[in-house]
């Protein structure tokens, strides 16, 4: 008798797709690492933008130029 006749449908499916499962796990791991790196870079940029005063600073008064007009 052939071996596939002794297996259930689930067992046969799992046996036939072992290689695909391994490849999928490796792909997910690499993708999650890439996404984590992008998330860290994005968080760094957002943090820097949140704590940076907009505009250029006036060198003699140390005030942002957007607050006063020095015309």
PDB file of N, CA and C in Angstrom:
ATOM      1  N   UNK A   1       0.818  -1.199   0.000  1.00  0.00           N
ATOM      2  CA  UNK A   1       0.000   0.000   0.000  1.00  0.00           C
ATOM      3  C   UNK A   1       0.855   1.253   0.000  1.00  0.00           C
ATOM      4  N   UNK A   2       0.350   2.264  -0.612  1.00  0.00           N
ATOM      5  CA  UNK A   2       1.083   3.522  -0.656  1.00  0.00           C
ATOM      6  C   UNK A   2       0.907   4.270   0.665  1.00  0.00           C
ATOM      7  N   UNK A   3       1.946   5.018   1.010  1.00  0.00           N
ATOM      8  CA  UNK A   3       1.944   5.697   2.309  1.00  0.00           C
ATOM      9  C   UNK A   3       0.861   6.775   2.398  1.00  0.00           C
ATOM     10  N   UNK A   4       0.576   7.457   1.302  1.00  0.00           N
ATOM     11  CA  UNK A   4      -0.388   8.549   1.355  1.00  0.00           C
ATOM     12  C   UNK A   4      -1.782   8.072   1.716  1.00  0.00           C
ATOM     13  N   UNK A   5      -2.064   6.805   1.500  1.00  0.00           N
ATOM     14  CA  UNK A   5      -3.376   6.281   1.857  1.00  0.00           C
ATOM     15  C   UNK A   5      -3.527   6.116   3.363  1.00  0.00           C
ATOM     16  N   UNK A   6      -2.412   6.059   4.079  1.00  0.00           N
ATOM     17  CA  UNK A   6      -2.455   5.912   5.537  1.00  0.00           C
ATOM     18  C   UNK A   6      -2.562   7.254   6.268  1.00  0.00           C
ATOM     19  N   UNK A   7      -2.325   8.349   5.566  1.00  0.00           N
ATOM     20  CA  UNK A   7      -2.310   9.667   6.189  1.00  0.00           C
ATOM     21  C   UNK A   7      -3.658  10.358   6.065  1.00  0.00           C
ATOM     22  N   UNK A   8      -3.922  11.233   7.036  1.00  0.00           N
ATOM     23  CA  UNK A   8      -5.110  12.083   6.911  1.00  0.00           C
ATOM     24  C   UNK A   8      -4.773  13.213   5.946  1.00  0.00           C
ATOM     25  N   UNK A   9      -5.771  13.962   5.559  1.00  0.00           N
ATOM     26  CA  UNK A   9      -5.557  15.070   4.621  1.00  0.00           C
ATOM     27  C   UNK A   9      -4.617  16.116   5.229  1.00  0.00           C
ATOM     28  N   UNK A  10      -4.785  16.393   6.509  1.00  0.00           N
ATOM     29  CA  UNK A  10      -3.933  17.379   7.178  1.00  0.00           C
ATOM     30  C   UNK A  10      -2.492  16.893   7.245  1.00  0.00           C
ATOM     31  N   UNK A  11      -2.281  15.657   7.608  1.00  0.00           N
ATOM     32  CA  UNK A  11      -0.928  15.106   7.675  1.00  0.00           C
ATOM     33  C   UNK A  11      -0.250  15.123   6.300  1.00  0.00           C
ATOM     34  N   UNK A  12      -0.976  14.747   5.278  1.00  0.00           N
ATOM     35  CA  UNK A  12      -0.431  14.744   3.928  1.00  0.00           C
ATOM     36  C   UNK A  12      -0.074  16.162   3.488  1.00  0.00           C
ATOM     37  N   UNK A  13      -0.954  17.116   3.777  1.00  0.00           N
ATOM     38  CA  UNK A  13      -0.698  18.513   3.418  1.00  0.00           C
ATOM     39  C   UNK A  13       0.551  19.032   4.121  1.00  0.00           C
ATOM     40  N   UNK A  14       0.666  18.764   5.419  1.00  0.00           N
ATOM     41  CA  UNK A  14       1.826  19.239   6.176  1.00  0.00           C
ATOM     42  C   UNK A  14       3.121  18.610   5.677  1.00  0.00           C
ATOM     43  N   UNK A  15       3.074  17.350   5.332  1.00  0.00           N
ATOM     44  CA  UNK A  15       4.266  16.664   4.839  1.00  0.00           C
ATOM     45  C   UNK A  15       4.695  17.204   3.472  1.00  0.00           C
ATOM     46  N   UNK A  16       3.725  17.470   2.624  1.00  0.00           N
ATOM     47  CA  UNK A  16       4.036  17.953   1.274  1.00  0.00           C
ATOM     48  C   UNK A  16       4.504  19.409   1.255  1.00  0.00           C
ATOM     49  N   UNK A  17       4.188  20.175   2.290  1.00  0.00           N
ATOM     50  CA  UNK A  17       4.492  21.607   2.286  1.00  0.00           C
ATOM     51  C   UNK A  17       5.515  22.012   3.349  1.00  0.00           C
ATOM     52  N   UNK A  18       6.327  21.090   3.804  1.00  0.00           N
ATOM     53  CA  UNK A  18       7.341  21.406   4.811  1.00  0.00           C
ATOM     54  C   UNK A  18       8.328  22.456   4.297  1.00  0.00           C
ATOM     55  N   UNK A  19       8.756  22.305   3.057  1.00  0.00           N
ATOM     56  CA  UNK A  19       9.726  23.242   2.485  1.00  0.00           C
ATOM     57  C   UNK A  19       9.146  24.648   2.365  1.00  0.00           C
ATOM     58  N   UNK A  20       7.905  24.732   1.936  1.00  0.00           N
ATOM     59  CA  UNK A  20       7.263  26.041   1.809  1.00  0.00           C
ATOM     60  C   UNK A  20       7.099  26.699   3.174  1.00  0.00           C
ATOM     61  N   UNK A  21       6.805  25.937   4.189  1.00  0.00           N
ATOM     62  CA  UNK A  21       6.661  26.470   5.536  1.00  0.00           C
ATOM     63  C   UNK A  21       7.985  27.052   6.021  1.00  0.00           C
ATOM     64  N   UNK A  22       9.074  26.339   5.773  1.00  0.00           N
ATOM     65  CA  UNK A  22      10.399  26.809   6.177  1.00  0.00           C
ATOM     66  C   UNK A  22      10.744  28.115   5.464  1.00  0.00           C
ATOM     67  N   UNK A  23      10.490  28.180   4.160  1.00  0.00           N
ATOM     68  CA  UNK A  23      10.747  29.403   3.398  1.00  0.00           C
ATOM     69  C   UNK A  23       9.888  30.563   3.887  1.00  0.00           C
ATOM     70  N   UNK A  24       8.644  30.289   4.189  1.00  0.00           N
ATOM     71  CA  UNK A  24       7.743  31.340   4.674  1.00  0.00           C
ATOM     72  C   UNK A  24       8.200  31.873   6.030  1.00  0.00           C
ATOM     73  N   UNK A  25       8.663  31.005   6.908  1.00  0.00           N
ATOM     74  CA  UNK A  25       9.148  31.445   8.211  1.00  0.00           C
ATOM     75  C   UNK A  25      10.376  32.323   8.076  1.00  0.00           C
ATOM     76  N   UNK A  26      11.293  31.958   7.190  1.00  0.00           N
ATOM     77  CA  UNK A  26      12.484  32.779   6.962  1.00  0.00           C
ATOM     78  C   UNK A  26      12.109  34.128   6.373  1.00  0.00           C
ATOM     79  N   UNK A  27      11.154  34.144   5.439  1.00  0.00           N
ATOM     80  CA  UNK A  27      10.719  35.392   4.818  1.00  0.00           C
ATOM     81  C   UNK A  27      10.074  36.312   5.846  1.00  0.00           C
ATOM     82  N   UNK A  28       9.237  35.761   6.704  1.00  0.00           N
ATOM     83  CA  UNK A  28       8.579  36.562   7.738  1.00  0.00           C
ATOM     84  C   UNK A  28       9.606  37.155   8.695  1.00  0.00           C
ATOM     85  N   UNK A  29      10.615  36.382   9.056  1.00  0.00           N
ATOM     86  CA  UNK A  29      11.646  36.870   9.969  1.00  0.00           C
ATOM     87  C   UNK A  29      12.417  38.031   9.346  1.00  0.00           C
ATOM     88  N   UNK A  30      12.815  37.902   8.082  1.00  0.00           N
ATOM     89  CA  UNK A  30      13.542  38.976   7.409  1.00  0.00           C
ATOM     90  C   UNK A  30      12.669  40.219   7.236  1.00  0.00           C
ATOM     91  N   UNK A  31      11.419  40.009   6.898  1.00  0.00           N
ATOM     92  CA  UNK A  31      10.510  41.130   6.707  1.00  0.00           C
ATOM     93  C   UNK A  31      10.267  41.871   8.015  1.00  0.00           C
ATOM     94  N   UNK A  32      10.093  41.156   9.100  1.00  0.00           N
ATOM     95  CA  UNK A  32       9.865  41.813  10.385  1.00  0.00           C
ATOM     96  C   UNK A  32      11.090  42.585  10.844  1.00  0.00           C
ATOM     97  N   UNK A  33      12.281  42.083  10.548  1.00  0.00           N
ATOM     98  CA  UNK A  33      13.501  42.817  10.891  1.00  0.00           C
ATOM     99  C   UNK A  33      13.591  44.108  10.084  1.00  0.00           C
ATOM    100  N   UNK A  34      13.245  44.048   8.822  1.00  0.00           N
ATOM    101  CA  UNK A  34      13.275  45.242   7.982  1.00  0.00           C
ATOM    102  C   UNK A  34      12.250  46.266   8.452  1.00  0.00           C
ATOM    103  N   UNK A  35      11.073  45.807   8.783  1.00  0.00           N
ATOM    104  CA  UNK A  35      10.033  46.718   9.256  1.00  0.00           C
ATOM    105  C   UNK A  35      10.424  47.348  10.586  1.00  0.00           C
ATOM    106  N   UNK A  36      11.085  46.597  11.449  1.00  0.00           N
ATOM    107  CA  UNK A  36      11.535  47.140  12.725  1.00  0.00           C
ATOM    108  C   UNK A  36      12.571  48.233  12.514  1.00  0.00           C
ATOM    109  N   UNK A  37      13.477  48.027  11.573  1.00  0.00           N
ATOM    110  CA  UNK A  37      14.499  49.033  11.287  1.00  0.00           C
ATOM    111  C   UNK A  37      13.865  50.313  10.752  1.00  0.00           C
ATOM    112  N   UNK A  38      12.908  50.182   9.871  1.00  0.00           N
ATOM    113  CA  UNK A  38      12.218  51.345   9.322  1.00  0.00           C
ATOM    114  C   UNK A  38      11.435  52.065  10.419  1.00  0.00           C
ATOM    115  N   UNK A  39      10.808  51.333  11.309  1.00  0.00           N
ATOM    116  CA  UNK A  39      10.051  51.945  12.401  1.00  0.00           C
ATOM    117  C   UNK A  39      10.959  52.734  13.337  1.00  0.00           C
ATOM    118  N   UNK A  40      12.145  52.213  13.614  1.00  0.00           N
ATOM    119  CA  UNK A  40      13.095  52.925  14.476  1.00  0.00           C
ATOM    120  C   UNK A  40      13.553  54.213  13.799  1.00  0.00           C
ATOM    121  N   UNK A  41      13.874  54.154  12.523  1.00  0.00           N
ATOM    122  CA  UNK A  41      14.280  55.361  11.809  1.00  0.00           C
ATOM    123  C   UNK A  41      13.167  56.405  11.768  1.00  0.00           C
ATOM    124  N   UNK A  42      11.961  55.976  11.521  1.00  0.00           N
ATOM    125  CA  UNK A  42      10.826  56.885  11.493  1.00  0.00           C
ATOM    126  C   UNK A  42      10.590  57.513  12.863  1.00  0.00           C
ATOM    127  N   UNK A  43      10.673  56.731  13.920  1.00  0.00           N
ATOM    128  CA  UNK A  43      10.488  57.258  15.270  1.00  0.00           C
ATOM    129  C   UNK A  43      11.569  58.280  15.606  1.00  0.00           C
ATOM    130  N   UNK A  44      12.790  58.057  15.143  1.00  0.00           N
ATOM    131  CA  UNK A  44      13.878  59.003  15.379  1.00  0.00           C
ATOM    132  C   UNK A  44      13.596  60.337  14.702  1.00  0.00           C
ATOM    133  N   UNK A  45      13.137  60.294  13.472  1.00  0.00           N
ATOM    134  CA  UNK A  45      12.831  61.530  12.743  1.00  0.00           C
ATOM    135  C   UNK A  45      11.669  62.264  13.395  1.00  0.00           C
ATOM    136  N   UNK A  46      10.642  61.553  13.782  1.00  0.00           N
ATOM    137  CA  UNK A  46       9.482  62.181  14.422  1.00  0.00           C
ATOM    138  C   UNK A  46       9.874  62.791  15.753  1.00  0.00           C
ATOM    139  N   UNK A  47      10.684  62.100  16.535  1.00  0.00           N
ATOM    140  CA  UNK A  47      11.134  62.631  17.822  1.00  0.00           C
ATOM    141  C   UNK A  47      11.940  63.906  17.615  1.00  0.00           C
ATOM    142  N   UNK A  48      12.850  63.899  16.656  1.00  0.00           N
ATOM    143  CA  UNK A  48      13.669  65.092  16.389  1.00  0.00           C
ATOM    144  C   UNK A  48      12.804  66.257  15.911  1.00  0.00           C
ATOM    145  N   UNK A  49      11.830  65.980  15.068  1.00  0.00           N
ATOM    146  CA  UNK A  49      10.954  67.038  14.562  1.00  0.00           C
ATOM    147  C   UNK A  49      10.059  67.611  15.656  1.00  0.00           C
ATOM    148  N   UNK A  50       9.673  66.795  16.597  1.00  0.00           N
ATOM    149  CA  UNK A  50       8.782  67.254  17.666  1.00  0.00           C
ATOM    150  C   UNK A  50       9.495  68.197  18.626  1.00  0.00           C
ATOM    151  N   UNK A  51      10.790  68.041  18.812  1.00  0.00           N
ATOM    152  CA  UNK A  51      11.529  68.855  19.778  1.00  0.00           C
ATOM    153  C   UNK A  51      12.408  69.915  19.133  1.00  0.00           C
ATOM    154  N   UNK A  52      12.245  70.168  17.839  1.00  0.00           N
ATOM    155  CA  UNK A  52      13.009  71.192  17.152  1.00  0.00           C
ATOM    156  C   UNK A  52      12.151  72.443  17.016  1.00  0.00           C
ATOM    157  N   UNK A  53      12.718  73.598  17.379  1.00  0.00           N
ATOM    158  CA  UNK A  53      11.992  74.858  17.250  1.00  0.00           C
ATOM    159  C   UNK A  53      11.933  75.217  15.771  1.00  0.00           C
ATOM    160  N   UNK A  54      10.752  75.571  15.276  1.00  0.00           N
ATOM    161  CA  UNK A  54      10.648  75.904  13.857  1.00  0.00           C
ATOM    162  C   UNK A  54      11.339  77.227  13.542  1.00  0.00           C
ATOM    163  N   UNK A  55      11.841  77.347  12.344  1.00  0.00           N
ATOM    164  CA  UNK A  55      12.486  78.575  11.918  1.00  0.00           C
ATOM    165  C   UNK A  55      13.941  78.623  12.332  1.00  0.00           C
ATOM    166  N   UNK A  56      14.578  79.723  11.992  1.00  0.00           N
ATOM    167  CA  UNK A  56      15.983  79.934  12.307  1.00  0.00           C
ATOM    168  C   UNK A  56      16.058  80.753  13.587  1.00  0.00           C
ATOM    169  N   UNK A  57      17.113  80.597  14.353  1.00  0.00           N
ATOM    170  CA  UNK A  57      17.218  81.368  15.588  1.00  0.00           C
ATOM    171  C   UNK A  57      18.031  82.633  15.350  1.00  0.00           C
ATOM    172  N   UNK A  58      17.646  83.685  16.036  1.00  0.00           N
ATOM    173  CA  UNK A  58      18.341  84.965  15.973  1.00  0.00           C
ATOM    174  C   UNK A  58      19.580  84.856  16.862  1.00  0.00           C
ATOM    175  N   UNK A  59      20.737  85.091  16.306  1.00  0.00           N
ATOM    176  CA  UNK A  59      21.975  84.851  17.038  1.00  0.00           C
ATOM    177  C   UNK A  59      22.176  85.803  18.206  1.00  0.00           C
ATOM    178  N   UNK A  60      21.708  87.046  18.127  1.00  0.00           N
ATOM    179  CA  UNK A  60      21.974  87.997  19.198  1.00  0.00           C
ATOM    180  C   UNK A  60      20.941  87.954  20.316  1.00  0.00           C
ATOM    181  N   UNK A  61      19.773  87.348  20.106  1.00  0.00           N
ATOM    182  CA  UNK A  61      18.778  87.256  21.176  1.00  0.00           C
ATOM    183  C   UNK A  61      18.377  85.818  21.494  1.00  0.00           C
ATOM    184  N   UNK A  62      18.813  84.869  20.722  1.00  0.00           N
ATOM    185  CA  UNK A  62      18.497  83.455  20.905  1.00  0.00           C
ATOM    186  C   UNK A  62      16.992  83.195  20.922  1.00  0.00           C
ATOM    187  N   UNK A  63      16.271  83.882  20.051  1.00  0.00           N
ATOM    188  CA  UNK A  63      14.824  83.698  19.938  1.00  0.00           C
ATOM    189  C   UNK A  63      14.504  83.205  18.531  1.00  0.00           C
ATOM    190  N   UNK A  64      13.510  82.385  18.383  1.00  0.00           N
ATOM    191  CA  UNK A  64      13.116  81.948  17.046  1.00  0.00           C
ATOM    192  C   UNK A  64      12.647  83.138  16.217  1.00  0.00           C
ATOM    193  N   UNK A  65      13.014  83.205  14.976  1.00  0.00           N
ATOM    194  CA  UNK A  65      12.649  84.337  14.131  1.00  0.00           C
ATOM    195  C   UNK A  65      11.177  84.347  13.774  1.00  0.00           C
ATOM    196  N   UNK A  66      10.472  83.274  13.959  1.00  0.00           N
ATOM    197  CA  UNK A  66       9.050  83.253  13.641  1.00  0.00           C
ATOM    198  C   UNK A  66       8.207  84.010  14.671  1.00  0.00           C
ATOM    199  N   UNK A  67       8.756  84.300  15.848  1.00  0.00           N
ATOM    200  CA  UNK A  67       7.977  84.979  16.869  1.00  0.00           C
ATOM    201  C   UNK A  67       7.964  86.494  16.695  1.00  0.00           C
ATOM    202  N   UNK A  68       9.043  87.080  16.231  1.00  0.00           N
ATOM    203  CA  UNK A  68       9.139  88.532  16.104  1.00  0.00           C
ATOM    204  C   UNK A  68       9.653  88.898  14.714  1.00  0.00           C
ATOM    205  N   UNK A  69       9.291  90.075  14.291  1.00  0.00           N
ATOM    206  CA  UNK A  69       9.793  90.575  13.019  1.00  0.00           C
ATOM    207  C   UNK A  69      10.920  91.547  13.306  1.00  0.00           C
ATOM    208  N   UNK A  70      12.085  91.327  12.718  1.00  0.00           N
ATOM    209  CA  UNK A  70      13.238  92.195  12.942  1.00  0.00           C
ATOM    210  C   UNK A  70      13.520  93.062  11.723  1.00  0.00           C
ATOM    211  N   UNK A  71      12.497  93.640  11.133  1.00  0.00           N
ATOM    212  CA  UNK A  71      12.656  94.475   9.932  1.00  0.00           C
ATOM    213  C   UNK A  71      13.202  95.832  10.262  1.00  0.00           C
TER     214      UNK A  71
END
